[in-house]
């Protein structure tokens, strides 16, 4: 999905390597006929939500998820799934997941950037092809504090940070799967298989 806040080419290549047929959505009507919507994102929360709203995607994404259709948020895209963020003020998010997005604590290097271990904390089809302890690539200064038990995997950066979240058809990766090599590819393969299973009659 193209709303001006994503590193789309590398995300598209990673999705293609995992077996997806990728179509870039530039307007809400482009979502018609899709089986999965991917919400990438780099940059700041407030401007990203503003661009989503200006492009007409906010209501479209809420309706999409409300119908139980698969949605995947990547990095900032995962944070946008939550109710609000404190990045540069208080900004409302999509509200598809309960909870908030807050700044990493004082005393740690910001941003959290580079490879870090991912610990699986509960089973999910999305993580079926990876093992606990494998490394993925993070770049973020804020992190999600979920209001419910939606954390599938976490990482440690002076505190536990949600790395994979999942509620119903909505999934989020805090890291960049497109920068995470074979582990990222296997995670996206898990997403593809999950979407395929949901699409069967």
C-alpha atoms as a PDB file:
ATOM      1  CA  UNK A   1       0.000   0.000   0.000  1.00  0.00           C
ATOM      2  CA  UNK A   2       1.440   3.363  -1.071  1.00  0.00           C
ATOM      3  CA  UNK A   3       0.650   6.332   1.179  1.00  0.00           C
ATOM      4  CA  UNK A   4       4.045   8.026   0.980  1.00  0.00           C
ATOM      5  CA  UNK A   5       5.538   6.609   4.178  1.00  0.00           C
ATOM      6  CA  UNK A   6       7.035   3.290   3.156  1.00  0.00           C
ATOM      7  CA  UNK A   7      10.182   1.804   1.638  1.00  0.00           C
ATOM      8  CA  UNK A   8       8.008   0.115  -0.944  1.00  0.00           C
ATOM      9  CA  UNK A   9      10.452  -1.374  -3.432  1.00  0.00           C
ATOM     10  CA  UNK A  10      12.356  -3.451  -0.883  1.00  0.00           C
ATOM     11  CA  UNK A  11       9.090  -4.536   0.785  1.00  0.00           C
ATOM     12  CA  UNK A  12       7.631  -5.524  -2.582  1.00  0.00           C
ATOM     13  CA  UNK A  13      10.731  -7.580  -3.439  1.00  0.00           C
ATOM     14  CA  UNK A  14      10.581  -9.359  -0.080  1.00  0.00           C
ATOM     15  CA  UNK A  15       6.893 -10.159  -0.541  1.00  0.00           C
ATOM     16  CA  UNK A  16       7.547 -11.465  -4.051  1.00  0.00           C
ATOM     17  CA  UNK A  17      10.331 -13.741  -2.743  1.00  0.00           C
ATOM     18  CA  UNK A  18       7.826 -15.182  -0.268  1.00  0.00           C
ATOM     19  CA  UNK A  19       5.433 -15.998  -3.111  1.00  0.00           C
ATOM     20  CA  UNK A  20       3.054 -13.032  -3.079  1.00  0.00           C
ATOM     21  CA  UNK A  21       1.744 -11.388  -6.231  1.00  0.00           C
ATOM     22  CA  UNK A  22       2.183  -7.735  -5.300  1.00  0.00           C
ATOM     23  CA  UNK A  23      -0.019  -4.850  -6.478  1.00  0.00           C
ATOM     24  CA  UNK A  24       0.663  -1.358  -5.151  1.00  0.00           C
ATOM     25  CA  UNK A  25      -2.480   0.364  -3.809  1.00  0.00           C
ATOM     26  CA  UNK A  26      -2.530   4.133  -4.274  1.00  0.00           C
ATOM     27  CA  UNK A  27      -6.218   4.684  -3.440  1.00  0.00           C
ATOM     28  CA  UNK A  28      -8.773   2.768  -1.338  1.00  0.00           C
ATOM     29  CA  UNK A  29     -10.482   1.294  -4.411  1.00  0.00           C
ATOM     30  CA  UNK A  30      -7.196  -0.460  -5.247  1.00  0.00           C
ATOM     31  CA  UNK A  31      -7.808  -2.743  -2.252  1.00  0.00           C
ATOM     32  CA  UNK A  32     -10.756  -4.366  -4.021  1.00  0.00           C
ATOM     33  CA  UNK A  33      -9.972  -7.994  -4.771  1.00  0.00           C
ATOM     34  CA  UNK A  34      -6.873  -8.148  -2.530  1.00  0.00           C
ATOM     35  CA  UNK A  35      -6.394 -11.056  -0.154  1.00  0.00           C
ATOM     36  CA  UNK A  36      -3.897  -9.257   2.106  1.00  0.00           C
ATOM     37  CA  UNK A  37      -3.169  -5.588   2.735  1.00  0.00           C
ATOM     38  CA  UNK A  38       0.386  -4.717   3.794  1.00  0.00           C
ATOM     39  CA  UNK A  39       0.879  -1.399   5.599  1.00  0.00           C
ATOM     40  CA  UNK A  40       4.609  -0.529   5.512  1.00  0.00           C
ATOM     41  CA  UNK A  41       6.042   2.546   7.144  1.00  0.00           C
ATOM     42  CA  UNK A  42       9.124   4.575   7.943  1.00  0.00           C
ATOM     43  CA  UNK A  43       9.243   7.982   9.594  1.00  0.00           C
ATOM     44  CA  UNK A  44       7.024   9.546  12.249  1.00  0.00           C
ATOM     45  CA  UNK A  45       3.614   8.437  13.484  1.00  0.00           C
ATOM     46  CA  UNK A  46       1.698  11.730  13.186  1.00  0.00           C
ATOM     47  CA  UNK A  47       2.643  12.592   9.592  1.00  0.00           C
ATOM     48  CA  UNK A  48       2.056   8.973   8.536  1.00  0.00           C
ATOM     49  CA  UNK A  49      -1.483   8.996   9.963  1.00  0.00           C
ATOM     50  CA  UNK A  50      -2.127  12.338   8.275  1.00  0.00           C
ATOM     51  CA  UNK A  51      -1.053  10.937   4.895  1.00  0.00           C
ATOM     52  CA  UNK A  52      -3.247   7.865   5.414  1.00  0.00           C
ATOM     53  CA  UNK A  53      -6.200  10.102   6.183  1.00  0.00           C
ATOM     54  CA  UNK A  54      -5.581  12.413   3.217  1.00  0.00           C
ATOM     55  CA  UNK A  55      -5.394   9.398   0.889  1.00  0.00           C
ATOM     56  CA  UNK A  56      -8.681   8.024   2.250  1.00  0.00           C
ATOM     57  CA  UNK A  57      -7.111   4.887   3.700  1.00  0.00           C
ATOM     58  CA  UNK A  58      -8.048   5.299   7.381  1.00  0.00           C
ATOM     59  CA  UNK A  59     -11.722   4.384   6.987  1.00  0.00           C
ATOM     60  CA  UNK A  60     -10.857   1.797   4.323  1.00  0.00           C
ATOM     61  CA  UNK A  61      -8.389  -0.006   6.614  1.00  0.00           C
ATOM     62  CA  UNK A  62     -10.785   0.060   9.559  1.00  0.00           C
ATOM     63  CA  UNK A  63     -13.515  -1.408   7.375  1.00  0.00           C
ATOM     64  CA  UNK A  64     -11.106  -3.994   5.946  1.00  0.00           C
ATOM     65  CA  UNK A  65     -10.025  -5.234   9.369  1.00  0.00           C
ATOM     66  CA  UNK A  66     -13.580  -4.975  10.681  1.00  0.00           C
ATOM     67  CA  UNK A  67     -14.598  -7.544   8.081  1.00  0.00           C
ATOM     68  CA  UNK A  68     -11.911  -9.915   9.369  1.00  0.00           C
ATOM     69  CA  UNK A  69      -9.701  -9.553   6.296  1.00  0.00           C
ATOM     70  CA  UNK A  70      -5.907 -10.008   6.651  1.00  0.00           C
ATOM     71  CA  UNK A  71      -3.824  -6.908   7.377  1.00  0.00           C
ATOM     72  CA  UNK A  72      -0.065  -6.824   8.024  1.00  0.00           C
ATOM     73  CA  UNK A  73       1.678  -3.751   9.485  1.00  0.00           C
ATOM     74  CA  UNK A  74       5.463  -3.423   9.184  1.00  0.00           C
ATOM     75  CA  UNK A  75       7.622  -1.314  11.541  1.00  0.00           C
ATOM     76  CA  UNK A  76       5.841   2.073  11.736  1.00  0.00           C
ATOM     77  CA  UNK A  77       2.964   0.325   9.982  1.00  0.00           C
ATOM     78  CA  UNK A  78       2.626  -1.957  13.015  1.00  0.00           C
ATOM     79  CA  UNK A  79       2.601   1.027  15.380  1.00  0.00           C
ATOM     80  CA  UNK A  80      -0.158   2.695  13.342  1.00  0.00           C
ATOM     81  CA  UNK A  81      -2.407  -0.280  14.171  1.00  0.00           C
ATOM     82  CA  UNK A  82      -2.633   0.850  17.813  1.00  0.00           C
ATOM     83  CA  UNK A  83      -4.912   3.425  19.429  1.00  0.00           C
ATOM     84  CA  UNK A  84      -2.467   6.301  19.836  1.00  0.00           C
ATOM     85  CA  UNK A  85       1.185   7.339  19.939  1.00  0.00           C
ATOM     86  CA  UNK A  86       3.103   9.848  22.034  1.00  0.00           C
ATOM     87  CA  UNK A  87       5.628  10.547  19.254  1.00  0.00           C
ATOM     88  CA  UNK A  88       5.973  14.352  18.941  1.00  0.00           C
ATOM     89  CA  UNK A  89       2.700  14.894  20.793  1.00  0.00           C
ATOM     90  CA  UNK A  90      -0.338  12.640  21.114  1.00  0.00           C
ATOM     91  CA  UNK A  91      -1.660  11.284  17.829  1.00  0.00           C
ATOM     92  CA  UNK A  92      -4.554   8.847  17.296  1.00  0.00           C
ATOM     93  CA  UNK A  93      -3.828   5.675  15.355  1.00  0.00           C
ATOM     94  CA  UNK A  94      -6.051   3.268  13.477  1.00  0.00           C
ATOM     95  CA  UNK A  95      -7.306   1.735  16.722  1.00  0.00           C
ATOM     96  CA  UNK A  96      -7.318  -1.801  15.345  1.00  0.00           C
ATOM     97  CA  UNK A  97      -5.255  -3.031  18.311  1.00  0.00           C
ATOM     98  CA  UNK A  98      -5.699  -1.855  21.873  1.00  0.00           C
ATOM     99  CA  UNK A  99      -2.764  -0.025  23.395  1.00  0.00           C
ATOM    100  CA  UNK A 100      -0.352   2.822  22.834  1.00  0.00           C
ATOM    101  CA  UNK A 101       3.048   3.587  21.323  1.00  0.00           C
ATOM    102  CA  UNK A 102       5.684   5.159  23.591  1.00  0.00           C
ATOM    103  CA  UNK A 103       9.326   6.234  23.359  1.00  0.00           C
ATOM    104  CA  UNK A 104      12.106   3.849  24.271  1.00  0.00           C
ATOM    105  CA  UNK A 105      13.273   4.501  27.850  1.00  0.00           C
ATOM    106  CA  UNK A 106      15.985   6.983  28.756  1.00  0.00           C
ATOM    107  CA  UNK A 107      19.449   5.496  29.042  1.00  0.00           C
ATOM    108  CA  UNK A 108      19.295   3.262  25.967  1.00  0.00           C
ATOM    109  CA  UNK A 109      20.679   4.051  22.544  1.00  0.00           C
ATOM    110  CA  UNK A 110      17.949   5.474  20.324  1.00  0.00           C
ATOM    111  CA  UNK A 111      17.007   4.333  17.795  1.00  0.00           C
ATOM    112  CA  UNK A 112      17.087   0.629  18.532  1.00  0.00           C
ATOM    113  CA  UNK A 113      18.870  -0.211  15.293  1.00  0.00           C
ATOM    114  CA  UNK A 114      20.319  -3.458  14.036  1.00  0.00           C
ATOM    115  CA  UNK A 115      19.948  -7.191  14.520  1.00  0.00           C
ATOM    116  CA  UNK A 116      18.312  -8.520  17.670  1.00  0.00           C
ATOM    117  CA  UNK A 117      17.004 -11.852  18.849  1.00  0.00           C
ATOM    118  CA  UNK A 118      13.325 -12.653  18.582  1.00  0.00           C
ATOM    119  CA  UNK A 119      11.809 -14.771  21.355  1.00  0.00           C
ATOM    120  CA  UNK A 120       8.591 -16.616  20.537  1.00  0.00           C
ATOM    121  CA  UNK A 121       6.105 -16.363  23.392  1.00  0.00           C
ATOM    122  CA  UNK A 122       3.000 -18.052  21.980  1.00  0.00           C
ATOM    123  CA  UNK A 123       2.195 -20.137  18.906  1.00  0.00           C
ATOM    124  CA  UNK A 124       1.021 -18.586  15.662  1.00  0.00           C
ATOM    125  CA  UNK A 125       0.854 -19.721  12.049  1.00  0.00           C
ATOM    126  CA  UNK A 126       2.814 -16.572  11.189  1.00  0.00           C
ATOM    127  CA  UNK A 127       5.890 -17.799  13.101  1.00  0.00           C
ATOM    128  CA  UNK A 128       5.553 -21.467  12.107  1.00  0.00           C
ATOM    129  CA  UNK A 129       8.757 -21.388  10.020  1.00  0.00           C
ATOM    130  CA  UNK A 130      11.064 -19.662  12.521  1.00  0.00           C
ATOM    131  CA  UNK A 131      12.638 -20.658  15.816  1.00  0.00           C
ATOM    132  CA  UNK A 132      12.939 -18.726  19.042  1.00  0.00           C
ATOM    133  CA  UNK A 133      16.319 -16.969  19.194  1.00  0.00           C
ATOM    134  CA  UNK A 134      16.631 -16.157  15.507  1.00  0.00           C
ATOM    135  CA  UNK A 135      17.625 -12.616  14.571  1.00  0.00           C
ATOM    136  CA  UNK A 136      15.634  -9.921  12.762  1.00  0.00           C
ATOM    137  CA  UNK A 137      16.497  -6.311  11.895  1.00  0.00           C
ATOM    138  CA  UNK A 138      15.025  -3.409  13.887  1.00  0.00           C
ATOM    139  CA  UNK A 139      15.040   0.359  13.353  1.00  0.00           C
ATOM    140  CA  UNK A 140      12.734   2.236  15.739  1.00  0.00           C
ATOM    141  CA  UNK A 141      12.686   4.813  18.525  1.00  0.00           C
ATOM    142  CA  UNK A 142       9.179   4.035  19.810  1.00  0.00           C
ATOM    143  CA  UNK A 143       7.535   0.745  20.726  1.00  0.00           C
ATOM    144  CA  UNK A 144       4.051  -0.626  21.313  1.00  0.00           C
ATOM    145  CA  UNK A 145       2.555  -1.243  24.749  1.00  0.00           C
ATOM    146  CA  UNK A 146      -0.442  -3.483  23.964  1.00  0.00           C
ATOM    147  CA  UNK A 147      -3.554  -3.384  26.121  1.00  0.00           C
ATOM    148  CA  UNK A 148      -4.264  -7.074  25.502  1.00  0.00           C
ATOM    149  CA  UNK A 149      -2.419 -10.375  25.224  1.00  0.00           C
ATOM    150  CA  UNK A 150      -1.559 -10.033  21.545  1.00  0.00           C
ATOM    151  CA  UNK A 151       2.226 -10.524  21.620  1.00  0.00           C
ATOM    152  CA  UNK A 152       3.397 -13.521  19.584  1.00  0.00           C
ATOM    153  CA  UNK A 153       7.130 -12.701  19.755  1.00  0.00           C
ATOM    154  CA  UNK A 154       9.262 -10.192  21.624  1.00  0.00           C
ATOM    155  CA  UNK A 155      12.803  -8.883  21.724  1.00  0.00           C
ATOM    156  CA  UNK A 156      14.935  -7.570  24.601  1.00  0.00           C
ATOM    157  CA  UNK A 157      16.312  -4.015  24.580  1.00  0.00           C
ATOM    158  CA  UNK A 158      16.586  -3.251  28.298  1.00  0.00           C
ATOM    159  CA  UNK A 159      12.920  -4.283  28.398  1.00  0.00           C
ATOM    160  CA  UNK A 160      10.716  -6.647  26.447  1.00  0.00           C
ATOM    161  CA  UNK A 161       9.505  -5.046  23.227  1.00  0.00           C
ATOM    162  CA  UNK A 162       6.728  -6.634  21.141  1.00  0.00           C
ATOM    163  CA  UNK A 163       8.234  -7.877  17.873  1.00  0.00           C
ATOM    164  CA  UNK A 164       5.198  -9.693  16.437  1.00  0.00           C
ATOM    165  CA  UNK A 165       1.609  -8.942  17.455  1.00  0.00           C
ATOM    166  CA  UNK A 166      -1.560 -10.631  16.286  1.00  0.00           C
ATOM    167  CA  UNK A 167      -5.276 -10.167  16.953  1.00  0.00           C
ATOM    168  CA  UNK A 168      -7.633 -11.997  14.634  1.00  0.00           C
ATOM    169  CA  UNK A 169      -6.762 -11.086  11.061  1.00  0.00           C
ATOM    170  CA  UNK A 170      -4.460  -8.195  12.075  1.00  0.00           C
ATOM    171  CA  UNK A 171      -0.716  -8.893  12.362  1.00  0.00           C
ATOM    172  CA  UNK A 172       2.186  -6.528  13.005  1.00  0.00           C
ATOM    173  CA  UNK A 173       5.982  -6.848  12.768  1.00  0.00           C
ATOM    174  CA  UNK A 174       8.007  -4.191  14.627  1.00  0.00           C
ATOM    175  CA  UNK A 175      11.132  -5.170  12.672  1.00  0.00           C
ATOM    176  CA  UNK A 176      11.793  -4.971   8.935  1.00  0.00           C
ATOM    177  CA  UNK A 177      11.237  -8.419   7.356  1.00  0.00           C
ATOM    178  CA  UNK A 178      12.624  -7.079   4.059  1.00  0.00           C
ATOM    179  CA  UNK A 179      15.957  -6.407   5.846  1.00  0.00           C
ATOM    180  CA  UNK A 180      15.918  -9.619   7.891  1.00  0.00           C
ATOM    181  CA  UNK A 181      17.255 -12.033   5.280  1.00  0.00           C
ATOM    182  CA  UNK A 182      16.009 -15.602   5.277  1.00  0.00           C
ATOM    183  CA  UNK A 183      14.262 -15.215   8.645  1.00  0.00           C
ATOM    184  CA  UNK A 184      12.218 -12.352   7.208  1.00  0.00           C
ATOM    185  CA  UNK A 185      11.382 -14.446   4.156  1.00  0.00           C
ATOM    186  CA  UNK A 186      10.208 -17.336   6.337  1.00  0.00           C
ATOM    187  CA  UNK A 187       8.025 -15.035   8.421  1.00  0.00           C
ATOM    188  CA  UNK A 188       6.393 -13.653   5.281  1.00  0.00           C
ATOM    189  CA  UNK A 189       5.930 -17.238   4.080  1.00  0.00           C
ATOM    190  CA  UNK A 190       4.034 -17.894   7.328  1.00  0.00           C
ATOM    191  CA  UNK A 191       1.841 -14.878   6.589  1.00  0.00           C
ATOM    192  CA  UNK A 192       1.195 -16.143   3.059  1.00  0.00           C
ATOM    193  CA  UNK A 193       0.229 -19.609   4.271  1.00  0.00           C
ATOM    194  CA  UNK A 194      -2.030 -18.108   6.960  1.00  0.00           C
ATOM    195  CA  UNK A 195      -3.794 -15.934   4.390  1.00  0.00           C
ATOM    196  CA  UNK A 196      -4.168 -18.913   2.054  1.00  0.00           C
ATOM    197  CA  UNK A 197      -5.707 -21.014   4.798  1.00  0.00           C
ATOM    198  CA  UNK A 198      -8.183 -18.263   5.669  1.00  0.00           C
ATOM    199  CA  UNK A 199      -9.167 -17.879   2.016  1.00  0.00           C
ATOM    200  CA  UNK A 200     -10.195 -21.521   1.613  1.00  0.00           C
ATOM    201  CA  UNK A 201     -13.940 -22.276   1.804  1.00  0.00           C
END
